[in-house]
Protein backbone atom coordinates (compact mmCIF):
# COMPACT_ATOMS: atom_id res chain seq x y z
CA MET A 1 -140.36 -165.03 156.17
CA LYS A 2 -138.72 -164.53 159.59
CA ARG A 3 -140.91 -163.62 162.50
CA SER A 4 -139.06 -160.52 163.08
CA ASP A 5 -139.77 -159.29 159.63
CA LYS A 6 -143.52 -160.02 160.21
CA VAL A 7 -143.47 -158.19 163.52
CA ALA A 8 -142.02 -155.16 161.90
CA ALA A 9 -144.58 -155.30 158.98
CA TRP A 10 -147.40 -155.48 161.57
CA ALA A 11 -145.97 -152.81 163.71
CA LYS A 12 -145.84 -150.39 160.55
CA THR A 13 -149.48 -151.44 159.98
CA GLY A 14 -150.30 -150.45 163.45
CA ASP A 15 -148.47 -147.05 163.09
CA ILE A 16 -150.59 -146.24 159.89
CA LEU A 17 -153.83 -147.34 161.53
CA ARG A 18 -152.92 -145.17 164.60
CA GLN A 19 -152.39 -142.19 162.33
CA ILE A 20 -155.48 -142.67 160.55
CA VAL A 21 -157.91 -143.08 163.44
CA ASN A 22 -156.09 -140.13 165.30
CA GLY A 23 -156.64 -137.92 162.15
CA GLU A 24 -152.86 -137.48 161.77
CA LYS A 25 -152.84 -138.97 158.31
CA SER A 26 -154.59 -137.85 155.29
CA GLY A 27 -155.07 -139.23 151.84
CA THR A 28 -156.18 -142.66 150.40
CA TRP A 29 -156.23 -144.64 153.59
CA ASN A 30 -158.47 -142.15 155.32
CA GLN A 31 -160.86 -142.13 152.51
CA LYS A 32 -160.79 -146.02 152.22
CA LEU A 33 -161.44 -146.30 155.98
CA GLU A 34 -164.47 -143.93 155.82
CA GLU A 35 -165.84 -145.95 152.75
CA VAL A 36 -165.29 -149.28 154.65
CA ALA A 37 -166.91 -147.78 157.91
CA VAL A 38 -170.05 -146.90 156.03
CA LYS A 39 -170.34 -150.29 154.36
CA ALA A 40 -169.69 -152.03 157.52
CA ALA A 41 -172.39 -150.09 159.25
CA ILE A 42 -174.92 -151.08 156.57
CA GLN A 43 -173.77 -154.68 156.88
CA ASN A 44 -174.14 -154.54 160.61
CA PRO A 45 -176.04 -151.67 162.11
CA TRP A 46 -174.36 -152.21 165.56
CA PHE A 47 -171.01 -151.07 163.94
CA THR A 48 -171.43 -147.35 164.24
CA ARG A 49 -168.52 -145.10 163.39
CA PRO A 50 -167.63 -144.34 167.04
CA GLN A 51 -167.53 -147.95 167.80
CA LEU A 52 -165.34 -148.55 165.06
CA GLN A 53 -163.06 -145.86 166.19
CA ILE A 54 -162.73 -147.68 169.46
CA ALA A 55 -161.97 -151.00 167.80
CA PHE A 56 -159.38 -149.69 165.51
CA GLU A 57 -157.66 -147.71 168.47
CA GLY A 58 -157.48 -151.12 170.43
CA ILE A 59 -155.90 -152.95 167.59
CA SER A 60 -153.33 -150.19 166.92
CA LYS A 61 -152.43 -150.38 170.64
CA MET A 62 -152.07 -154.18 170.19
CA LEU A 63 -149.77 -153.62 167.12
CA GLU A 64 -147.20 -151.52 168.99
CA TYR A 65 -143.56 -152.82 168.09
CA GLU A 66 -142.36 -153.35 171.67
CA SER A 67 -145.62 -154.99 172.68
CA LEU A 68 -145.30 -157.42 169.79
CA ILE A 69 -141.66 -158.17 170.49
CA ASP A 70 -142.42 -158.76 174.13
CA TRP A 71 -145.21 -161.08 173.26
CA THR A 72 -143.69 -163.22 170.77
CA ARG A 73 -140.18 -163.69 172.37
CA SER A 74 -141.77 -166.11 174.75
CA TYR A 75 -142.76 -168.70 171.93
CA PRO A 76 -140.44 -170.69 169.68
CA GLU A 77 -140.25 -169.55 166.18
CA ASN A 78 -141.59 -171.97 163.61
CA SER A 79 -138.86 -173.42 161.53
CA GLY A 80 -140.71 -176.39 160.15
CA LYS A 81 -144.09 -177.04 158.58
CA SER A 82 -146.58 -174.29 158.36
CA PHE A 83 -150.05 -175.66 159.44
CA ARG A 84 -153.30 -174.52 157.81
CA VAL A 85 -155.22 -173.26 160.87
CA GLY A 86 -158.91 -172.61 160.35
CA VAL A 87 -160.29 -169.58 162.35
CA ILE A 88 -164.08 -169.23 162.76
CA MET A 89 -164.71 -165.65 163.67
CA ALA A 90 -167.35 -164.22 165.76
CA GLY A 91 -169.34 -160.93 164.48
CA ASN A 92 -170.60 -159.64 167.72
CA ILE A 93 -168.20 -156.82 167.98
CA PRO A 94 -165.89 -155.18 165.19
CA MET A 95 -163.05 -157.52 164.18
CA ALA A 96 -163.51 -160.01 167.07
CA GLY A 97 -161.34 -162.44 165.32
CA PHE A 98 -158.27 -160.17 164.75
CA HIS A 99 -156.14 -161.48 167.66
CA ASP A 100 -156.52 -165.11 166.36
CA LEU A 101 -155.49 -163.88 162.95
CA LEU A 102 -152.43 -162.07 164.38
CA ALA A 103 -151.44 -165.15 166.47
CA VAL A 104 -151.78 -167.47 163.52
CA ASN A 105 -149.49 -165.51 161.27
CA LEU A 106 -146.92 -164.73 163.89
CA SER A 107 -146.75 -168.41 164.96
CA GLY A 108 -145.63 -169.07 161.42
CA ASN A 109 -148.81 -170.83 160.32
CA HIS A 110 -151.23 -170.27 157.37
CA LEU A 111 -154.67 -168.59 158.16
CA VAL A 112 -157.82 -170.06 156.73
CA ALA A 113 -160.51 -167.71 158.01
CA LYS A 114 -164.21 -168.01 157.97
CA MET A 115 -165.46 -164.46 158.72
CA SER A 116 -168.81 -163.75 160.23
CA LYS A 117 -171.36 -162.59 157.82
CA ASP A 118 -171.86 -159.62 160.03
CA ASP A 119 -168.11 -158.46 159.87
CA LYS A 120 -166.50 -159.12 156.53
CA LEU A 121 -165.13 -155.75 155.60
CA LEU A 122 -162.93 -154.46 158.57
CA ILE A 123 -160.20 -156.97 158.88
CA PRO A 124 -159.56 -157.01 155.19
CA PHE A 125 -159.01 -153.33 155.38
CA ILE A 126 -156.23 -153.89 157.92
CA LEU A 127 -154.87 -156.60 155.81
CA GLU A 128 -154.68 -154.28 152.86
CA ILE A 129 -152.61 -151.97 154.77
CA LEU A 130 -150.36 -154.93 155.77
CA PHE A 131 -149.91 -156.18 152.24
CA SER A 132 -149.16 -152.74 151.00
CA ILE A 133 -146.18 -152.80 153.48
CA GLU A 134 -145.22 -156.42 153.00
CA PRO A 135 -146.81 -157.96 149.91
CA GLU A 136 -145.12 -161.33 150.57
CA LEU A 137 -147.32 -161.89 153.54
CA LYS A 138 -150.47 -162.14 151.21
CA SER A 139 -149.80 -165.72 150.43
CA GLU A 140 -150.17 -166.62 154.08
CA PHE A 141 -153.87 -165.61 154.47
CA GLU A 142 -156.92 -166.86 152.91
CA THR A 143 -160.81 -166.71 153.42
CA THR A 144 -163.40 -169.28 152.76
CA GLU A 145 -166.99 -170.18 153.49
CA ARG A 146 -166.38 -173.77 154.21
CA LEU A 147 -163.40 -175.10 156.38
CA ASN A 148 -162.55 -178.33 154.55
CA ASP A 149 -158.84 -178.26 154.03
CA ILE A 150 -157.43 -177.49 157.48
CA GLU A 151 -155.16 -179.10 159.99
CA ALA A 152 -156.07 -177.17 163.27
CA ILE A 153 -158.88 -174.87 164.25
CA ILE A 154 -159.73 -172.02 166.64
CA ALA A 155 -163.51 -171.23 166.79
CA THR A 156 -165.44 -168.59 168.68
CA GLY A 157 -169.14 -168.59 169.15
CA SER A 158 -172.03 -169.32 171.46
CA ASN A 159 -172.79 -172.27 173.67
CA ASN A 160 -175.01 -173.56 170.95
CA THR A 161 -172.59 -173.21 168.18
CA GLY A 162 -169.96 -174.73 170.52
CA ARG A 163 -171.90 -178.05 170.04
CA TYR A 164 -171.61 -177.61 166.30
CA PHE A 165 -167.87 -177.07 166.66
CA GLU A 166 -167.42 -180.20 168.83
CA HIS A 167 -169.41 -182.51 166.30
CA TYR A 168 -167.61 -181.22 163.10
CA PHE A 169 -164.07 -180.10 164.26
CA ALA A 170 -163.17 -182.05 167.29
CA LYS A 171 -160.85 -184.38 165.25
CA TYR A 172 -158.44 -181.44 164.76
CA PRO A 173 -156.28 -179.73 167.34
CA HIS A 174 -158.55 -177.12 168.43
CA ILE A 175 -159.46 -174.17 170.79
CA PHE A 176 -163.32 -173.80 171.01
CA ARG A 177 -164.56 -170.80 172.81
CA LYS A 178 -168.25 -170.45 174.12
CA ASN A 179 -170.16 -167.69 176.01
CA ARG A 180 -168.37 -165.75 178.57
CA ASN A 181 -169.37 -162.56 180.40
CA SER A 182 -167.51 -159.92 182.35
CA ALA A 183 -168.27 -158.21 185.76
CA ALA A 184 -167.34 -155.27 187.90
CA ILE A 185 -166.75 -155.05 191.60
CA LEU A 186 -167.80 -151.82 193.48
CA THR A 187 -166.79 -151.09 196.94
CA GLY A 188 -168.81 -147.76 197.25
CA ASP A 189 -165.55 -145.75 197.46
CA GLU A 190 -165.44 -145.16 193.70
CA ASN A 191 -165.36 -141.44 192.54
CA GLU A 192 -167.08 -139.86 189.63
CA TYR A 193 -164.23 -140.57 187.32
CA ASP A 194 -164.21 -144.28 188.22
CA LEU A 195 -167.85 -144.54 187.58
CA LEU A 196 -167.52 -142.81 184.36
CA LEU A 197 -164.79 -145.22 183.18
CA LEU A 198 -166.92 -148.13 184.14
CA GLY A 199 -169.51 -146.84 181.76
CA ARG A 200 -167.09 -147.60 179.07
CA ASP A 201 -166.90 -151.06 180.16
CA ILE A 202 -170.72 -151.35 180.00
CA PHE A 203 -171.63 -149.43 176.87
CA THR A 204 -168.77 -149.75 174.41
CA TYR A 205 -170.17 -151.93 171.49
CA TYR A 206 -173.51 -151.58 173.14
CA GLY A 207 -172.89 -154.34 175.61
CA LEU A 208 -172.43 -157.02 172.87
CA GLY A 209 -169.03 -158.28 173.79
CA CYS A 210 -167.72 -160.96 176.18
CA ARG A 211 -165.55 -158.20 177.70
CA ASN A 212 -168.58 -155.97 178.37
CA VAL A 213 -169.72 -155.74 181.96
CA SER A 214 -172.93 -157.26 182.35
CA LYS A 215 -172.87 -157.94 186.13
CA LEU A 216 -172.12 -155.64 189.00
CA TYR A 217 -171.35 -156.87 192.46
CA VAL A 218 -172.07 -154.20 195.02
CA PRO A 219 -171.91 -153.87 198.86
CA VAL A 220 -175.10 -154.24 200.81
CA ASN A 221 -177.05 -151.10 200.88
CA TYR A 222 -175.23 -149.69 198.07
CA LYS A 223 -176.86 -146.57 196.60
CA PHE A 224 -176.92 -146.40 192.81
CA ASP A 225 -177.52 -142.70 192.52
CA ASP A 226 -173.98 -141.61 191.75
CA PHE A 227 -173.70 -144.73 189.38
CA PHE A 228 -176.54 -143.56 187.37
CA GLU A 229 -175.63 -139.83 187.23
CA ASN A 230 -172.15 -140.68 185.90
CA GLN A 231 -173.65 -142.98 183.21
CA LEU A 232 -175.58 -140.04 181.67
CA ALA A 233 -172.34 -139.38 179.52
CA TYR A 234 -173.40 -142.37 177.42
CA ASN A 235 -176.74 -141.35 176.60
CA GLU A 236 -175.97 -141.39 173.06
CA VAL A 237 -176.96 -144.89 172.92
CA MET A 238 -180.59 -143.44 172.97
CA GLN A 239 -180.06 -142.43 169.36
CA HIS A 240 -179.51 -146.11 168.36
CA THR A 241 -182.67 -147.69 167.37
CA LYS A 242 -181.69 -151.28 167.86
CA TYR A 243 -180.37 -150.67 171.38
CA MET A 244 -183.44 -148.78 172.31
CA ASN A 245 -185.66 -151.42 171.01
CA ASN A 246 -183.95 -153.77 173.36
CA PHE A 247 -184.37 -151.28 176.24
CA ASP A 248 -188.04 -150.73 175.51
CA TYR A 249 -188.78 -154.41 175.33
CA HIS A 250 -187.04 -155.49 178.48
CA GLN A 251 -188.50 -152.42 180.44
CA ALA A 252 -191.89 -153.59 179.43
CA LEU A 253 -191.15 -157.15 180.34
CA TYR A 254 -190.00 -156.42 183.77
CA LEU A 255 -193.18 -154.06 184.28
CA LEU A 256 -195.38 -156.85 183.12
CA ASN A 257 -193.71 -159.40 185.34
CA MET A 258 -193.62 -157.03 188.19
CA GLN A 259 -189.85 -157.57 188.44
CA PRO A 260 -188.19 -154.69 190.30
CA PHE A 261 -185.73 -152.68 188.34
CA LEU A 262 -183.83 -149.38 188.39
CA THR A 263 -183.44 -147.22 185.23
CA ASN A 264 -182.10 -143.95 183.91
CA ASN A 265 -184.24 -144.41 180.73
CA PHE A 266 -181.44 -146.11 178.67
CA LEU A 267 -180.03 -148.57 181.06
CA ILE A 268 -181.84 -151.06 183.40
CA LEU A 269 -180.28 -152.56 186.51
CA THR A 270 -182.16 -155.53 188.02
CA GLU A 271 -180.89 -157.89 190.83
CA SER A 272 -179.97 -161.14 189.62
CA SER A 273 -177.34 -164.01 190.21
CA SER A 274 -176.90 -164.55 186.51
CA LEU A 275 -173.71 -163.17 184.90
CA ALA A 276 -175.31 -162.71 181.42
CA SER A 277 -177.66 -159.99 180.72
CA PRO A 278 -179.44 -158.84 177.72
CA VAL A 279 -178.46 -155.57 175.69
CA SER A 280 -179.53 -152.54 177.77
CA VAL A 281 -179.64 -154.41 180.98
CA VAL A 282 -177.03 -155.06 183.67
CA HIS A 283 -177.62 -157.35 186.56
CA PHE A 284 -176.35 -156.69 190.07
CA GLU A 285 -175.85 -158.67 193.20
CA TYR A 286 -175.15 -157.55 196.74
CA TYR A 287 -172.20 -158.95 198.91
CA ASP A 288 -171.41 -158.30 202.51
CA ASP A 289 -168.09 -160.22 202.86
CA ARG A 290 -165.31 -159.38 200.34
CA LYS A 291 -163.52 -162.68 201.10
CA ILE A 292 -166.56 -164.75 200.24
CA LEU A 293 -167.08 -162.52 197.07
CA ASP A 294 -163.40 -163.29 195.98
CA GLU A 295 -164.16 -166.96 196.35
CA THR A 296 -167.27 -166.49 194.25
CA ILE A 297 -165.45 -164.92 191.53
CA LEU A 298 -162.72 -167.62 191.53
CA SER A 299 -165.45 -170.23 191.21
CA LEU A 300 -166.81 -168.57 188.19
CA GLU A 301 -163.30 -168.36 186.41
CA ASN A 302 -164.66 -170.44 183.51
CA GLU A 303 -167.58 -168.26 182.95
CA LEU A 304 -165.96 -164.82 183.34
CA GLN A 305 -163.94 -163.20 180.57
CA CYS A 306 -162.62 -160.42 182.78
CA VAL A 307 -163.32 -158.49 186.09
CA VAL A 308 -162.88 -154.80 186.47
CA SER A 309 -162.46 -152.88 189.71
CA LYS A 310 -160.76 -149.70 191.09
CA HIS A 311 -157.65 -151.61 192.35
CA GLY A 312 -157.87 -154.99 190.57
CA LYS A 313 -155.83 -156.33 187.66
CA ILE A 314 -158.06 -154.63 185.06
CA PRO A 315 -158.99 -151.05 186.11
CA PHE A 316 -162.28 -149.32 185.12
CA GLY A 317 -162.41 -148.23 181.46
CA GLN A 318 -159.93 -150.99 180.24
CA ALA A 319 -162.13 -153.96 179.67
CA GLN A 320 -162.27 -153.52 175.82
CA PHE A 321 -158.58 -152.89 175.51
CA PRO A 322 -156.89 -156.26 176.08
CA GLY A 323 -153.15 -156.33 175.61
CA VAL A 324 -151.71 -158.58 172.85
CA ASN A 325 -150.83 -161.01 175.43
CA ASP A 326 -154.30 -161.14 177.07
CA TYR A 327 -155.90 -164.40 175.83
CA ALA A 328 -159.66 -164.95 175.33
CA ASP A 329 -160.88 -167.64 177.90
CA ASN A 330 -157.34 -167.51 179.32
CA ILE A 331 -156.36 -170.17 176.63
CA ASP A 332 -152.84 -169.34 175.49
CA THR A 333 -153.34 -169.16 171.69
CA MET A 334 -149.82 -168.77 170.86
CA ALA A 335 -148.78 -171.82 172.87
CA PHE A 336 -151.33 -173.79 171.04
CA LEU A 337 -150.20 -172.74 167.62
CA THR A 338 -146.53 -172.95 168.25
CA SER A 339 -146.91 -176.63 169.59
CA LEU A 340 -148.75 -178.15 166.51
CA LYS A 341 -147.07 -181.18 165.33
CA ASN A 342 -147.61 -183.68 162.44
């Protein structure tokens, strides 16, 4: 099937998905989505209905026709062999492996997906919509528990699983992704709306994604009063048992260790040079020279997934809505997939 036909099918899938999540479409698909959402939350309690809504909205934006056209026109269309590309999908946030799946398909290759045990229902729902539009595409996707018969691989996991990937799959052409974190730069000039949007970057998916802000860079003598006041809009996380278990544990730990911290009773801020922070905790670090901070950020490019700021490349509130041409770990997945050779 020509890439242009696939793009059209995916764009129609995005249209239907957009109508469903916006409440503009009624009928069978809405009912199926609600059924899938309930089952997904049972399978993974972090996948609450509001979080799934955000994830589906992000994917529907990714599947806009013009975005797909602009993205794919930069890469050669596969006119030869279709390679069997294994994709090991993470399960930390809903449909974490969707972009890889899309790239494999639009690059003209065959997907062999090993889905996370924590997220086995949501992507199949989207594929069901796709196959209803273009049944011929069904032959280009398969799922498996063991990646044996593959010719290339894309794998996403932790630093620990990264060693596993290297041991078992390094002989194949590959992309291996490990731990990354995201940060925000504050200047002290942010208004209430800026800080409110920053909260989306912190709390979406309960902070479990690599694009969630886990570190704040703030000017020396920065006062956190306005920051905390504008995070109160996200206090619904207090209704989530697993999130609050993390909060209670880390608050008790910091108290026991007499480690200074700030809190609003559902988010903890503590000063640390580390980029990675536990669920319910965000680290912060002071800076007094923006030029030195920019150099620090540049030196951390292999550890940072994204950096949000008021006037930067990624504005507040957009960390969890990457475009279809935004690549995880800054590795061009489509270039990799379209360059595969015998």
